[in-house]
Amino acid sequence: MKKTTSRSDLIDTLSLPDLCRFCQADEAWVIELVEYGVLEPLGRTVQNWHFQGPSIARAKKARRLNRDLGINVAGVALVLELLEERDAVLSRLSRYEAI
C-alpha cells in the first residue's frame, strides 16, 4: 500500500489485493466491478492492476451497497451511476441558486 506523503494518511493507490483487504471483498467481486465499469484500474493485466482515489472510494461505496443492502454488482453499478447524476444535478442547482 502506497501513501501520498509521510504527512498524510490519504491513500494514493492500492493494488488489487490491497483493495480487496480494504473493502473486505474477494478478488472475483472486484473483477466483476471492473467488468461492469464501476472501477477503472490502471494496468493491463489483473496482476498489475492498481486503483486510484476515485476507484477506491467507489469500491468502498459499492461494497457497502452490496453488504448492507444485498444489491448485486449490476444493481450497484446502476445505483452508483444514479447517485453521481443526482450529485451533478444538485451541484448545478446550487450554482443557479447562488446567482
C-alpha atoms as a PDB file:
ATOM      1  CA  MET A   1       0.000   0.000   0.000  1.00  0.00           C
ATOM      2  CA  LYS A   2       1.409   3.378  -1.009  1.00  0.00           C
ATOM      3  CA  LYS A   3       0.783   6.656   0.753  1.00  0.00           C
ATOM      4  CA  THR A   4       0.849  10.102  -0.795  1.00  0.00           C
ATOM      5  CA  THR A   5       3.289  11.644   1.684  1.00  0.00           C
ATOM      6  CA  SER A   6       4.625  10.966   5.130  1.00  0.00           C
ATOM      7  CA  ARG A   7       2.460  13.865   6.373  1.00  0.00           C
ATOM      8  CA  SER A   8      -0.754  12.375   5.050  1.00  0.00           C
ATOM      9  CA  ASP A   9      -2.824   9.325   5.816  1.00  0.00           C
ATOM     10  CA  LEU A  10      -4.539   9.520   2.427  1.00  0.00           C
ATOM     11  CA  ILE A  11      -4.107   6.525   0.167  1.00  0.00           C
ATOM     12  CA  ASP A  12      -2.724   7.259  -3.296  1.00  0.00           C
ATOM     13  CA  THR A  13      -3.098   3.857  -4.985  1.00  0.00           C
ATOM     14  CA  LEU A  14      -3.967   0.313  -3.990  1.00  0.00           C
ATOM     15  CA  SER A  15      -3.090  -2.958  -5.667  1.00  0.00           C
ATOM     16  CA  LEU A  16      -5.881  -5.474  -6.267  1.00  0.00           C
ATOM     17  CA  PRO A  17      -5.053  -7.500  -3.112  1.00  0.00           C
ATOM     18  CA  ASP A  18      -4.851  -4.295  -1.043  1.00  0.00           C
ATOM     19  CA  LEU A  19      -8.185  -3.068  -2.399  1.00  0.00           C
ATOM     20  CA  CYS A  20      -9.748  -6.427  -1.549  1.00  0.00           C
ATOM     21  CA  ARG A  21      -8.480  -6.183   2.021  1.00  0.00           C
ATOM     22  CA  PHE A  22      -9.590  -2.544   2.281  1.00  0.00           C
ATOM     23  CA  CYS A  23     -13.127  -3.404   1.125  1.00  0.00           C
ATOM     24  CA  GLN A  24     -13.223  -6.809   2.804  1.00  0.00           C
ATOM     25  CA  ALA A  25     -14.129  -8.412  -0.524  1.00  0.00           C
ATOM     26  CA  ASP A  26     -12.735 -11.171  -2.690  1.00  0.00           C
ATOM     27  CA  GLU A  27     -10.902 -10.628  -5.968  1.00  0.00           C
ATOM     28  CA  ALA A  28     -13.693 -12.106  -8.096  1.00  0.00           C
ATOM     29  CA  TRP A  29     -16.095  -9.446  -6.793  1.00  0.00           C
ATOM     30  CA  VAL A  30     -13.661  -6.601  -7.573  1.00  0.00           C
ATOM     31  CA  ILE A  31     -13.004  -8.042 -11.040  1.00  0.00           C
ATOM     32  CA  GLU A  32     -16.758  -8.098 -11.634  1.00  0.00           C
ATOM     33  CA  LEU A  33     -16.943  -4.412 -10.638  1.00  0.00           C
ATOM     34  CA  VAL A  34     -14.293  -3.671 -13.254  1.00  0.00           C
ATOM     35  CA  GLU A  35     -16.227  -5.655 -15.875  1.00  0.00           C
ATOM     36  CA  TYR A  36     -19.365  -3.597 -15.139  1.00  0.00           C
ATOM     37  CA  GLY A  37     -17.397  -0.353 -15.417  1.00  0.00           C
ATOM     38  CA  VAL A  38     -17.774   0.567 -11.753  1.00  0.00           C
ATOM     39  CA  LEU A  39     -13.998   0.662 -11.234  1.00  0.00           C
ATOM     40  CA  GLU A  40     -11.242   1.717 -13.620  1.00  0.00           C
ATOM     41  CA  PRO A  41      -7.924   0.085 -12.777  1.00  0.00           C
ATOM     42  CA  LEU A  42      -4.534   1.163 -14.025  1.00  0.00           C
ATOM     43  CA  GLY A  43      -2.528  -1.656 -15.604  1.00  0.00           C
ATOM     44  CA  ARG A  44      -3.034  -4.051 -18.459  1.00  0.00           C
ATOM     45  CA  THR A  45      -3.403  -7.325 -16.567  1.00  0.00           C
ATOM     46  CA  VAL A  46      -5.228  -8.255 -13.391  1.00  0.00           C
ATOM     47  CA  GLN A  47      -1.891  -8.952 -11.708  1.00  0.00           C
ATOM     48  CA  ASN A  48      -0.732  -5.388 -12.466  1.00  0.00           C
ATOM     49  CA  TRP A  49      -3.943  -3.574 -11.577  1.00  0.00           C
ATOM     50  CA  HIS A  50      -3.741  -0.555  -9.295  1.00  0.00           C
ATOM     51  CA  PHE A  51      -6.661   1.594  -8.232  1.00  0.00           C
ATOM     52  CA  GLN A  52      -6.531   5.322  -7.556  1.00  0.00           C
ATOM     53  CA  GLY A  53      -8.598   7.576  -5.281  1.00  0.00           C
ATOM     54  CA  PRO A  54     -11.941   7.732  -7.140  1.00  0.00           C
ATOM     55  CA  SER A  55     -11.978   3.991  -7.765  1.00  0.00           C
ATOM     56  CA  ILE A  56     -11.069   3.291  -4.145  1.00  0.00           C
ATOM     57  CA  ALA A  57     -13.964   5.434  -2.920  1.00  0.00           C
ATOM     58  CA  ARG A  58     -16.365   3.824  -5.427  1.00  0.00           C
ATOM     59  CA  ALA A  59     -15.235   0.345  -4.364  1.00  0.00           C
ATOM     60  CA  LYS A  60     -15.934   1.152  -0.722  1.00  0.00           C
ATOM     61  CA  LYS A  61     -19.409   2.511  -1.580  1.00  0.00           C
ATOM     62  CA  ALA A  62     -20.071  -0.490  -3.792  1.00  0.00           C
ATOM     63  CA  ARG A  63     -19.116  -2.870  -1.000  1.00  0.00           C
ATOM     64  CA  ARG A  64     -21.434  -1.127   1.467  1.00  0.00           C
ATOM     65  CA  LEU A  65     -24.322  -1.290  -1.002  1.00  0.00           C
ATOM     66  CA  ASN A  66     -23.630  -4.963  -1.603  1.00  0.00           C
ATOM     67  CA  ARG A  67     -23.112  -5.922   2.023  1.00  0.00           C
ATOM     68  CA  ASP A  68     -25.713  -3.740   3.731  1.00  0.00           C
ATOM     69  CA  LEU A  69     -28.496  -3.810   1.141  1.00  0.00           C
ATOM     70  CA  GLY A  70     -27.755  -7.054  -0.680  1.00  0.00           C
ATOM     71  CA  ILE A  71     -27.507  -5.344  -4.082  1.00  0.00           C
ATOM     72  CA  ASN A  72     -25.754  -7.379  -6.785  1.00  0.00           C
ATOM     73  CA  VAL A  73     -22.968  -5.925  -8.936  1.00  0.00           C
ATOM     74  CA  ALA A  74     -25.282  -4.836 -11.780  1.00  0.00           C
ATOM     75  CA  GLY A  75     -27.504  -3.071  -9.250  1.00  0.00           C
ATOM     76  CA  VAL A  76     -24.511  -1.472  -7.563  1.00  0.00           C
ATOM     77  CA  ALA A  77     -23.360  -0.086 -10.932  1.00  0.00           C
ATOM     78  CA  LEU A  78     -26.805   1.423 -11.520  1.00  0.00           C
ATOM     79  CA  VAL A  79     -27.115   2.883  -8.009  1.00  0.00           C
ATOM     80  CA  LEU A  80     -23.661   4.493  -8.172  1.00  0.00           C
ATOM     81  CA  GLU A  81     -24.440   5.988 -11.582  1.00  0.00           C
ATOM     82  CA  LEU A  82     -27.738   7.416 -10.317  1.00  0.00           C
ATOM     83  CA  LEU A  83     -26.075   8.828  -7.191  1.00  0.00           C
ATOM     84  CA  GLU A  84     -23.429  10.563  -9.314  1.00  0.00           C
ATOM     85  CA  GLU A  85     -26.114  12.014 -11.602  1.00  0.00           C
ATOM     86  CA  ARG A  86     -28.023  13.256  -8.558  1.00  0.00           C
ATOM     87  CA  ASP A  87     -24.891  14.887  -7.158  1.00  0.00           C
ATOM     88  CA  ALA A  88     -24.248  16.609 -10.502  1.00  0.00           C
ATOM     89  CA  VAL A  89     -27.812  17.938 -10.635  1.00  0.00           C
ATOM     90  CA  LEU A  90     -27.620  19.196  -7.051  1.00  0.00           C
ATOM     91  CA  SER A  91     -24.311  20.883  -7.796  1.00  0.00           C
ATOM     92  CA  ARG A  92     -25.759  22.671 -10.843  1.00  0.00           C
ATOM     93  CA  LEU A  93     -28.840  23.667  -8.868  1.00  0.00           C
ATOM     94  CA  SER A  94     -26.752  25.180  -6.092  1.00  0.00           C
ATOM     95  CA  ARG A  95     -24.808  27.251  -8.672  1.00  0.00           C
ATOM     96  CA  TYR A  96     -28.083  28.619 -10.094  1.00  0.00           C
ATOM     97  CA  GLU A  97     -29.453  29.403  -6.643  1.00  0.00           C
ATOM     98  CA  ALA A  98     -26.315  31.387  -5.848  1.00  0.00           C
ATOM     99  CA  ILE A  99     -26.930  33.733  -8.794  1.00  0.00           C
END
